[in-house]
Amino acid sequence: MELIFDNHNLEEEQINLVVHHNTITGLINDKENKIFNLISLKKCGKGKIIINNAKVAKDEIYINRKRISQVEDNIEFPAYLTTVEDLMNNYLRIHQLNVKDSNKKIRGSLKIVGISEEYISHNLNTLSSSEKKLITIAVGLLSNPDTIILEEPFKYLDLKQEKRLFMIFQKFKEQYDKTIIIKTENPEILYKYTDEIIIVKNNNILITGATKEVYQRVDYLKRNSIPIPEIVLFTYLAKKNRNVKIDYHDDIRDIIKDIYKHV
C-alpha cells in the first residue's frame, strides 16, 4: 500500500510525503502526532491523497483507513477481558471483521509472531511484558492489513525475539507486499531495521529518504538535535577527527576492517 500526500494542506502546512509499499519505513514523530495521524488516515486535511496510484476521494478515506492496522505501544489490556482469546475476539467484534473461523484466525495470528496456540486460554494478567507485546502485534494482524503501523514494536523483547520479529516484517514486505511503518525514537532500531525514514520535528517533516543516507548527514541531524546511531557516530568521528578514510557500515566488524586497512 503506497501512500502519497501531494501538496496536501494540513493545518495550513503543505505536506509532500511518500510512504512506499514493499518497504519498512521508520518514523520519528512529534508529540502532537500531526504527521502520524495523517499517515494513518485518522486526520486528513485538504488536498491530494494517492493510494496505490489512485486518487482517493474524501468519502473513500474511511474505507482505506480500514486497510491500515495500528499497533500501539500500550500493553495494558482492559480489565473486563480475561484471556488471550477474549482479547482477540474483542478486536474482531469491535472492528466488525467477518471471519468464517475465528478460532483458526486467532491461532494463525499468534503463530505468525511465534506465540504457541496454547496461549489462547492463558490469563492476560499472567503474561510477561514480551508476551504481551507479541500478542498485541498478533491482534493487529487479525484484519490482514495492507499497512501495519507499529509503535515501539521491539520494546520488551530480547535480541532473539527482536531478530525473529524483524524477519517476520521482512517476509510481510517481500512476500505479501505489505507496508511496515515503525514509529520509534530509538536510532539504533531505525538504522538496523528500516529501509526509509521520516523525521518530524516541530510538527513538520524535517527530512525523508533512504535510512542509511539520511543518517550519514550527521552535521545536519546534530544541528537539529536528532539522535544518531552509535555506529554512525563512531564512523563520523573517526573520519572527522582522525581523518580516517572509512565508509559507513551496518556492522562494527566492517568498520574495524576498514580501520586496519587505512590506518
Protein backbone atom coordinates (compact mmCIF):
# COMPACT_ATOMS: atom_id res chain seq x y z
CA MET A 1 0.00 0.00 0.00
CA GLU A 2 1.72 3.13 -1.22
CA LEU A 3 0.60 6.42 0.32
CA ILE A 4 1.28 9.72 -1.43
CA PHE A 5 0.35 13.11 0.01
CA ASP A 6 0.82 15.59 -2.81
CA ASN A 7 0.69 19.25 -1.76
CA HIS A 8 -1.69 18.18 0.96
CA ASN A 9 -2.85 21.07 3.12
CA LEU A 10 -2.84 20.10 6.78
CA GLU A 11 -3.35 22.79 9.42
CA GLU A 12 -2.07 25.46 7.00
CA GLU A 13 1.05 23.44 6.16
CA GLN A 14 1.76 21.97 2.72
CA ILE A 15 2.68 18.31 3.13
CA ASN A 16 4.54 16.39 0.42
CA LEU A 17 5.23 12.87 1.53
CA VAL A 18 5.53 9.38 0.07
CA VAL A 19 5.32 6.15 2.06
CA HIS A 20 6.40 3.45 -0.37
CA HIS A 21 4.94 -0.03 -0.45
CA ASN A 22 7.29 -3.01 -0.07
CA THR A 23 9.32 -1.04 2.47
CA ILE A 24 9.93 -0.88 6.17
CA THR A 25 9.69 2.83 6.95
CA GLY A 26 10.84 4.39 10.21
CA LEU A 27 9.07 7.36 11.75
CA ILE A 28 10.44 9.76 14.34
CA ASN A 29 7.41 11.78 15.30
CA ASP A 30 6.49 14.83 17.37
CA LYS A 31 4.25 14.51 20.41
CA GLU A 32 1.42 16.31 18.59
CA ASN A 33 1.17 13.39 16.12
CA LYS A 34 0.04 15.56 13.19
CA ILE A 35 2.05 13.66 10.57
CA PHE A 36 1.41 10.33 12.30
CA ASN A 37 -2.35 10.90 12.18
CA LEU A 38 -2.08 11.85 8.52
CA ILE A 39 -0.17 8.69 7.58
CA SER A 40 -2.68 6.53 9.46
CA LEU A 41 -5.52 8.47 7.70
CA LYS A 42 -7.01 9.35 11.09
CA LYS A 43 -6.93 13.08 10.49
CA CYS A 44 -6.51 14.36 6.96
CA GLY A 45 -6.50 17.89 5.66
CA LYS A 46 -7.37 19.16 2.21
CA GLY A 47 -5.57 18.13 -0.92
CA LYS A 48 -4.48 15.17 -2.92
CA ILE A 49 -4.09 11.71 -1.40
CA ILE A 50 -2.99 8.94 -3.73
CA ILE A 51 -3.10 5.29 -2.67
CA ASN A 52 -1.61 2.69 -5.00
CA ASN A 53 -1.64 5.15 -7.92
CA ALA A 54 -5.32 6.00 -7.46
CA LYS A 55 -6.53 9.38 -6.19
CA VAL A 56 -8.67 8.97 -3.09
CA ALA A 57 -11.89 10.96 -2.72
CA LYS A 58 -12.80 12.38 0.67
CA ASP A 59 -15.58 9.84 1.21
CA GLU A 60 -13.16 6.99 0.45
CA ILE A 61 -10.71 7.82 3.22
CA TYR A 62 -12.60 5.80 5.86
CA ILE A 63 -12.63 2.71 3.63
CA ASN A 64 -8.87 2.96 3.11
CA ARG A 65 -8.29 3.62 6.81
CA LYS A 66 -9.65 0.14 7.50
CA ARG A 67 -6.78 -1.27 5.43
CA ILE A 68 -4.33 0.13 7.99
CA SER A 69 -3.68 -1.55 11.33
CA GLN A 70 -2.11 0.43 14.16
CA VAL A 71 -0.39 -1.44 16.98
CA GLU A 72 0.08 0.94 19.89
CA ASP A 73 2.86 0.86 22.47
CA ASN A 74 0.32 0.13 25.19
CA ILE A 75 0.40 -3.43 26.59
CA GLU A 76 -2.19 -2.84 29.30
CA PHE A 77 -5.42 -4.63 28.47
CA PRO A 78 -9.00 -3.73 29.51
CA ALA A 79 -9.92 -5.21 32.89
CA TYR A 80 -13.09 -6.82 31.53
CA LEU A 81 -11.02 -9.11 29.25
CA THR A 82 -9.63 -12.23 30.91
CA THR A 83 -7.88 -14.44 28.36
CA VAL A 84 -5.92 -14.01 25.15
CA GLU A 85 -8.90 -15.42 23.28
CA ASP A 86 -11.18 -12.78 24.88
CA LEU A 87 -8.78 -10.05 23.77
CA MET A 88 -8.62 -11.21 20.16
CA ASN A 89 -12.34 -11.92 19.84
CA ASN A 90 -13.00 -8.45 21.25
CA TYR A 91 -10.88 -6.96 18.46
CA LEU A 92 -12.77 -8.97 15.83
CA ARG A 93 -16.07 -7.75 17.27
CA ILE A 94 -15.13 -4.07 17.64
CA HIS A 95 -13.75 -3.88 14.10
CA GLN A 96 -16.66 -5.89 12.71
CA LEU A 97 -14.38 -8.37 10.99
CA ASN A 98 -16.35 -11.17 9.35
CA VAL A 99 -14.25 -14.29 9.85
CA LYS A 100 -15.54 -17.75 8.98
CA ASP A 101 -13.48 -19.49 11.66
CA SER A 102 -12.42 -17.02 14.36
CA ASN A 103 -10.56 -19.69 16.34
CA LYS A 104 -8.45 -20.60 13.30
CA LYS A 105 -7.82 -16.93 12.56
CA ILE A 106 -6.69 -16.26 16.13
CA ARG A 107 -4.37 -19.27 16.20
CA GLY A 108 -2.90 -18.25 12.84
CA SER A 109 -2.12 -14.70 14.01
CA LEU A 110 -0.47 -15.98 17.19
CA LYS A 111 1.62 -18.46 15.19
CA ILE A 112 2.91 -15.71 12.91
CA VAL A 113 4.53 -13.86 15.84
CA GLY A 114 5.86 -17.05 17.43
CA ILE A 115 3.25 -17.48 20.17
CA SER A 116 2.01 -21.04 20.76
CA GLU A 117 -1.71 -21.67 20.26
CA GLU A 118 -1.77 -22.91 23.86
CA TYR A 119 -1.69 -19.25 24.91
CA ILE A 120 -5.28 -18.80 23.73
CA SER A 121 -6.59 -19.81 27.14
CA HIS A 122 -3.89 -18.00 29.16
CA ASN A 123 -4.93 -15.28 31.57
CA LEU A 124 -3.75 -11.88 30.35
CA ASN A 125 -2.51 -10.94 33.82
CA THR A 126 -0.06 -13.87 33.87
CA LEU A 127 1.74 -12.88 30.67
CA SER A 128 5.22 -11.36 30.64
CA SER A 129 5.81 -7.96 29.03
CA SER A 130 7.41 -9.57 25.97
CA GLU A 131 4.47 -11.98 25.56
CA LYS A 132 2.01 -9.09 25.83
CA LYS A 133 3.95 -7.14 23.19
CA LEU A 134 3.92 -10.04 20.72
CA ILE A 135 0.23 -10.69 21.36
CA THR A 136 -0.66 -7.03 20.68
CA ILE A 137 1.10 -7.39 17.32
CA ALA A 138 -0.81 -10.63 16.65
CA VAL A 139 -4.05 -8.75 17.38
CA GLY A 140 -3.08 -6.10 14.84
CA LEU A 141 -2.67 -8.78 12.17
CA LEU A 142 -6.23 -10.12 12.53
CA SER A 143 -7.58 -7.71 9.93
CA ASN A 144 -4.96 -8.76 7.35
CA PRO A 145 -3.99 -5.10 6.82
CA ASP A 146 -2.15 -3.72 3.80
CA THR A 147 -0.21 -1.32 6.04
CA ILE A 148 0.89 -2.05 9.59
CA ILE A 149 1.94 0.83 11.86
CA LEU A 150 3.81 -0.34 14.95
CA GLU A 151 4.73 1.85 17.89
CA GLU A 152 7.95 0.63 19.58
CA PRO A 153 7.49 -2.96 18.30
CA PHE A 154 10.76 -4.27 19.78
CA LYS A 155 10.20 -2.88 23.26
CA TYR A 156 10.37 -5.59 25.98
CA LEU A 157 11.82 -8.14 23.53
CA ASP A 158 15.20 -9.82 23.89
CA LEU A 159 17.63 -9.86 20.97
CA LYS A 160 16.46 -13.27 19.73
CA GLN A 161 12.80 -12.19 19.73
CA GLU A 162 13.75 -8.88 18.12
CA LYS A 163 15.55 -10.57 15.23
CA ARG A 164 12.72 -13.05 14.73
CA LEU A 165 10.13 -10.27 14.60
CA PHE A 166 12.25 -8.38 12.08
CA MET A 167 12.35 -11.49 9.87
CA ILE A 168 8.54 -11.57 10.05
CA PHE A 169 8.40 -7.95 8.91
CA GLN A 170 10.78 -8.77 6.07
CA LYS A 171 8.52 -11.62 4.99
CA PHE A 172 5.47 -9.35 5.07
CA LYS A 173 7.30 -6.84 2.91
CA GLU A 174 8.84 -9.20 0.36
CA GLN A 175 6.25 -11.97 0.03
CA TYR A 176 2.97 -10.26 0.87
CA ASP A 177 3.57 -6.72 -0.42
CA LYS A 178 2.83 -5.16 2.97
CA THR A 179 3.93 -1.71 4.06
CA ILE A 180 5.52 -1.65 7.53
CA ILE A 181 5.88 1.59 9.49
CA ILE A 182 7.89 1.55 12.71
CA LYS A 183 7.35 4.51 14.99
CA THR A 184 10.20 4.91 17.47
CA GLU A 185 12.78 7.41 18.69
CA ASN A 186 15.44 4.71 19.01
CA PRO A 187 18.06 5.46 16.31
CA GLU A 188 19.69 2.03 16.67
CA ILE A 189 16.41 0.28 15.81
CA LEU A 190 15.75 2.59 12.88
CA TYR A 191 19.24 2.18 11.44
CA LYS A 192 19.18 -1.61 11.73
CA TYR A 193 15.68 -2.38 10.61
CA THR A 194 14.26 0.26 8.28
CA ASP A 195 14.71 0.94 4.56
CA GLU A 196 13.43 4.52 4.61
CA ILE A 197 12.87 7.10 7.30
CA ILE A 198 10.65 10.09 8.01
CA ILE A 199 11.88 12.51 10.65
CA VAL A 200 9.37 15.01 12.04
CA LYS A 201 10.44 18.00 14.14
CA ASN A 202 8.30 20.87 15.41
CA ASN A 203 5.33 19.21 13.77
CA ASN A 204 6.87 19.48 10.29
CA ILE A 205 8.74 17.00 8.13
CA LEU A 206 12.44 17.67 8.67
CA ILE A 207 13.86 15.09 6.28
CA THR A 208 12.88 11.90 4.47
CA GLY A 209 14.82 9.38 2.42
CA ALA A 210 16.75 6.13 2.49
CA THR A 211 17.63 5.45 6.14
CA LYS A 212 21.37 4.92 5.60
CA GLU A 213 21.68 8.08 3.50
CA VAL A 214 19.71 10.22 5.96
CA TYR A 215 21.82 9.13 8.93
CA GLN A 216 25.04 9.95 7.08
CA ARG A 217 24.01 13.62 7.21
CA VAL A 218 25.41 13.76 10.72
CA ASP A 219 26.11 17.50 10.92
CA TYR A 220 22.59 18.36 9.78
CA LEU A 221 20.99 15.91 12.22
CA LYS A 222 23.15 17.14 15.11
CA ARG A 223 22.12 20.74 14.41
CA ASN A 224 18.51 19.64 14.68
CA SER A 225 19.09 17.57 17.85
CA ILE A 226 18.18 14.28 16.17
CA PRO A 227 19.69 11.21 17.92
CA ILE A 228 22.27 9.42 15.79
CA PRO A 229 23.07 5.67 15.83
CA GLU A 230 26.28 4.87 17.69
CA ILE A 231 27.83 3.03 14.74
CA VAL A 232 27.25 6.07 12.50
CA LEU A 233 28.60 8.49 15.10
CA PHE A 234 31.71 6.33 15.61
CA THR A 235 32.43 6.38 11.87
CA TYR A 236 31.72 10.10 11.65
CA LEU A 237 34.16 10.92 14.46
CA ALA A 238 36.84 8.65 13.02
CA LYS A 239 36.55 10.37 9.64
CA LYS A 240 36.42 13.88 11.08
CA ASN A 241 38.87 13.79 13.99
CA ARG A 242 41.32 11.16 12.78
CA ASN A 243 40.98 11.79 9.06
CA VAL A 244 40.44 8.06 8.54
CA LYS A 245 39.04 7.23 5.11
CA ILE A 246 36.41 4.67 6.02
CA ASP A 247 32.90 4.06 4.79
CA TYR A 248 29.68 3.90 6.77
CA HIS A 249 28.69 0.31 7.56
CA ASP A 250 25.92 -1.60 9.33
CA ASP A 251 28.33 -3.91 11.15
CA ILE A 252 31.09 -2.74 13.51
CA ARG A 253 33.29 -5.57 12.22
CA ASP A 254 33.31 -3.99 8.77
CA ILE A 255 34.36 -0.67 10.26
CA ILE A 256 37.23 -2.34 12.12
CA LYS A 257 38.38 -3.95 8.85
CA ASP A 258 38.36 -0.52 7.20
CA ILE A 259 40.36 0.98 10.04
CA TYR A 260 43.02 -1.75 9.85
CA LYS A 261 43.19 -1.24 6.10
CA HIS A 262 43.66 2.54 6.20
CA VAL A 263 45.47 3.21 9.46
